Amino acid sequence: MNKALLREDEAQEYVGGLPERTFDKYFGDHVIRLGKRNYYRPKDLDDVVASLVYGSQPEAGK
């Protein structure tokens, strides 16, 4: 996807269709409010997903 900003529904789909409450919990700090709509940068979404994936990896040798 080559867009500068994603609407909230597009952003939820971009990260795999998370339920609204889960999406808000993990991505709420990265919202850009313009008027009455919420927008997200794809790069911010990728960074949060990467940190969640990194945090869920088991430590080596365990």
N, C-alpha and C. Protein backbone atom coordinates (compact mmCIF):
# COMPACT_ATOMS: atom_id res chain seq x y z
N MET A 1 0.86 -1.17 0.00
CA MET A 1 0.00 0.00 0.00
C MET A 1 0.90 1.23 0.00
N ASN A 2 0.57 2.18 -0.80
CA ASN A 2 1.43 3.33 -0.97
C ASN A 2 0.69 4.61 -0.62
N LYS A 3 0.10 4.66 0.57
CA LYS A 3 -0.64 5.84 1.00
C LYS A 3 0.07 6.47 2.19
N ALA A 4 -0.01 7.79 2.28
CA ALA A 4 0.63 8.50 3.38
C ALA A 4 -0.13 8.28 4.69
N LEU A 5 -1.45 8.28 4.62
CA LEU A 5 -2.28 8.07 5.80
C LEU A 5 -3.39 7.08 5.49
N LEU A 6 -3.72 6.27 6.48
CA LEU A 6 -4.82 5.32 6.33
C LEU A 6 -5.96 5.72 7.26
N ARG A 7 -7.18 5.62 6.76
CA ARG A 7 -8.34 5.81 7.63
C ARG A 7 -8.37 4.67 8.64
N GLU A 8 -9.15 4.83 9.70
CA GLU A 8 -9.16 3.84 10.77
C GLU A 8 -9.55 2.45 10.28
N ASP A 9 -10.56 2.34 9.43
CA ASP A 9 -10.97 1.03 8.93
C ASP A 9 -9.89 0.41 8.04
N GLU A 10 -9.21 1.24 7.25
CA GLU A 10 -8.11 0.75 6.42
C GLU A 10 -6.94 0.30 7.28
N ALA A 11 -6.67 1.04 8.35
CA ALA A 11 -5.57 0.69 9.25
C ALA A 11 -5.85 -0.63 9.96
N GLN A 12 -7.09 -0.86 10.39
CA GLN A 12 -7.44 -2.13 11.04
C GLN A 12 -7.24 -3.29 10.06
N GLU A 13 -7.63 -3.11 8.84
CA GLU A 13 -7.44 -4.13 7.82
C GLU A 13 -5.95 -4.34 7.52
N TYR A 14 -5.19 -3.27 7.51
CA TYR A 14 -3.75 -3.30 7.23
C TYR A 14 -3.01 -4.19 8.23
N VAL A 15 -3.43 -4.18 9.49
CA VAL A 15 -2.76 -4.98 10.52
C VAL A 15 -3.44 -6.32 10.77
N GLY A 16 -4.33 -6.71 9.90
CA GLY A 16 -4.89 -8.05 9.99
C GLY A 16 -6.30 -8.13 10.53
N GLY A 17 -7.02 -7.03 10.54
CA GLY A 17 -8.42 -7.07 10.94
C GLY A 17 -8.65 -7.27 12.43
N LEU A 18 -7.85 -6.62 13.25
CA LEU A 18 -8.02 -6.72 14.70
C LEU A 18 -9.37 -6.14 15.11
N PRO A 19 -9.98 -6.68 16.17
CA PRO A 19 -11.20 -6.06 16.70
C PRO A 19 -10.91 -4.63 17.16
N GLU A 20 -11.92 -3.80 17.18
CA GLU A 20 -11.75 -2.37 17.46
C GLU A 20 -11.09 -2.11 18.82
N ARG A 21 -11.53 -2.81 19.86
CA ARG A 21 -10.95 -2.57 21.19
C ARG A 21 -9.48 -2.96 21.24
N THR A 22 -9.11 -4.06 20.61
CA THR A 22 -7.71 -4.49 20.58
C THR A 22 -6.88 -3.50 19.76
N PHE A 23 -7.42 -3.09 18.64
CA PHE A 23 -6.73 -2.12 17.79
C PHE A 23 -6.48 -0.82 18.56
N ASP A 24 -7.50 -0.32 19.25
CA ASP A 24 -7.36 0.91 20.02
C ASP A 24 -6.33 0.77 21.13
N LYS A 25 -6.28 -0.40 21.76
CA LYS A 25 -5.33 -0.64 22.85
C LYS A 25 -3.89 -0.52 22.36
N TYR A 26 -3.57 -1.14 21.24
CA TYR A 26 -2.20 -1.17 20.76
C TYR A 26 -1.81 0.01 19.87
N PHE A 27 -2.76 0.58 19.17
CA PHE A 27 -2.44 1.61 18.19
C PHE A 27 -3.00 2.98 18.53
N GLY A 28 -3.70 3.11 19.64
CA GLY A 28 -4.34 4.37 20.03
C GLY A 28 -3.38 5.53 20.22
N ASP A 29 -2.15 5.24 20.60
CA ASP A 29 -1.15 6.30 20.80
C ASP A 29 -0.63 6.87 19.48
N HIS A 30 -0.94 6.22 18.38
CA HIS A 30 -0.41 6.62 17.08
C HIS A 30 -1.45 7.25 16.17
N VAL A 31 -2.60 7.59 16.74
CA VAL A 31 -3.68 8.16 15.95
C VAL A 31 -3.39 9.61 15.59
N ILE A 32 -3.79 10.01 14.39
CA ILE A 32 -3.74 11.40 13.94
C ILE A 32 -5.19 11.80 13.71
N ARG A 33 -5.66 12.74 14.49
CA ARG A 33 -7.06 13.16 14.37
C ARG A 33 -7.14 14.38 13.46
N LEU A 34 -7.91 14.23 12.39
CA LEU A 34 -8.17 15.34 11.47
C LEU A 34 -9.67 15.47 11.34
N GLY A 35 -10.18 16.54 11.87
CA GLY A 35 -11.63 16.70 11.89
C GLY A 35 -12.25 15.65 12.79
N LYS A 36 -13.22 14.92 12.27
CA LYS A 36 -13.89 13.89 13.05
C LYS A 36 -13.36 12.50 12.75
N ARG A 37 -12.31 12.39 11.95
CA ARG A 37 -11.79 11.09 11.55
C ARG A 37 -10.42 10.82 12.15
N ASN A 38 -10.12 9.54 12.32
CA ASN A 38 -8.82 9.11 12.80
C ASN A 38 -8.03 8.52 11.64
N TYR A 39 -6.77 8.89 11.58
CA TYR A 39 -5.87 8.41 10.54
C TYR A 39 -4.61 7.83 11.18
N TYR A 40 -3.94 6.96 10.44
CA TYR A 40 -2.72 6.31 10.93
C TYR A 40 -1.70 6.27 9.81
N ARG A 41 -0.41 6.39 10.17
CA ARG A 41 0.67 6.22 9.20
C ARG A 41 1.01 4.74 9.12
N PRO A 42 1.13 4.19 7.91
CA PRO A 42 1.51 2.78 7.78
C PRO A 42 2.82 2.45 8.49
N LYS A 43 3.79 3.36 8.48
CA LYS A 43 5.07 3.14 9.14
C LYS A 43 4.88 2.96 10.64
N ASP A 44 4.01 3.76 11.26
CA ASP A 44 3.73 3.63 12.69
C ASP A 44 3.09 2.27 12.99
N LEU A 45 2.17 1.85 12.13
CA LEU A 45 1.52 0.55 12.32
C LEU A 45 2.54 -0.58 12.22
N ASP A 46 3.43 -0.48 11.23
CA ASP A 46 4.47 -1.50 11.06
C ASP A 46 5.39 -1.56 12.27
N ASP A 47 5.74 -0.41 12.84
CA ASP A 47 6.61 -0.37 14.01
C ASP A 47 5.96 -1.03 15.22
N VAL A 48 4.68 -0.77 15.44
CA VAL A 48 3.98 -1.38 16.58
C VAL A 48 3.87 -2.89 16.38
N VAL A 49 3.52 -3.33 15.19
CA VAL A 49 3.42 -4.77 14.91
C VAL A 49 4.78 -5.44 15.12
N ALA A 50 5.85 -4.79 14.66
CA ALA A 50 7.19 -5.35 14.83
C ALA A 50 7.56 -5.47 16.30
N SER A 51 7.18 -4.50 17.11
CA SER A 51 7.49 -4.57 18.54
C SER A 51 6.67 -5.65 19.22
N LEU A 52 5.44 -5.86 18.78
CA LEU A 52 4.62 -6.93 19.35
C LEU A 52 5.18 -8.30 18.98
N VAL A 53 5.62 -8.46 17.76
CA VAL A 53 6.19 -9.72 17.30
C VAL A 53 7.50 -9.97 18.01
N TYR A 54 8.32 -8.95 18.15
CA TYR A 54 9.61 -9.10 18.82
C TYR A 54 9.41 -9.50 20.28
N GLY A 55 8.45 -8.88 20.94
CA GLY A 55 8.18 -9.18 22.35
C GLY A 55 7.62 -10.56 22.58
N SER A 56 7.05 -11.19 21.57
CA SER A 56 6.44 -12.50 21.74
C SER A 56 7.40 -13.63 21.41
N GLN A 57 8.63 -13.31 20.96
CA GLN A 57 9.60 -14.35 20.61
C GLN A 57 10.19 -14.96 21.87
N PRO A 58 10.29 -16.28 21.93
CA PRO A 58 10.94 -16.90 23.11
C PRO A 58 12.43 -16.60 23.13
N GLU A 59 12.98 -16.51 24.33
CA GLU A 59 14.41 -16.24 24.44
C GLU A 59 15.20 -17.46 23.99
N ALA A 60 16.36 -17.20 23.44
CA ALA A 60 17.22 -18.30 22.96
C ALA A 60 17.64 -19.19 24.13
N GLY A 61 17.63 -20.47 23.91
CA GLY A 61 18.08 -21.41 24.93
C GLY A 61 17.05 -21.78 25.96
N LYS A 62 15.81 -21.33 25.80
CA LYS A 62 14.78 -21.67 26.80
C LYS A 62 13.72 -22.53 26.16
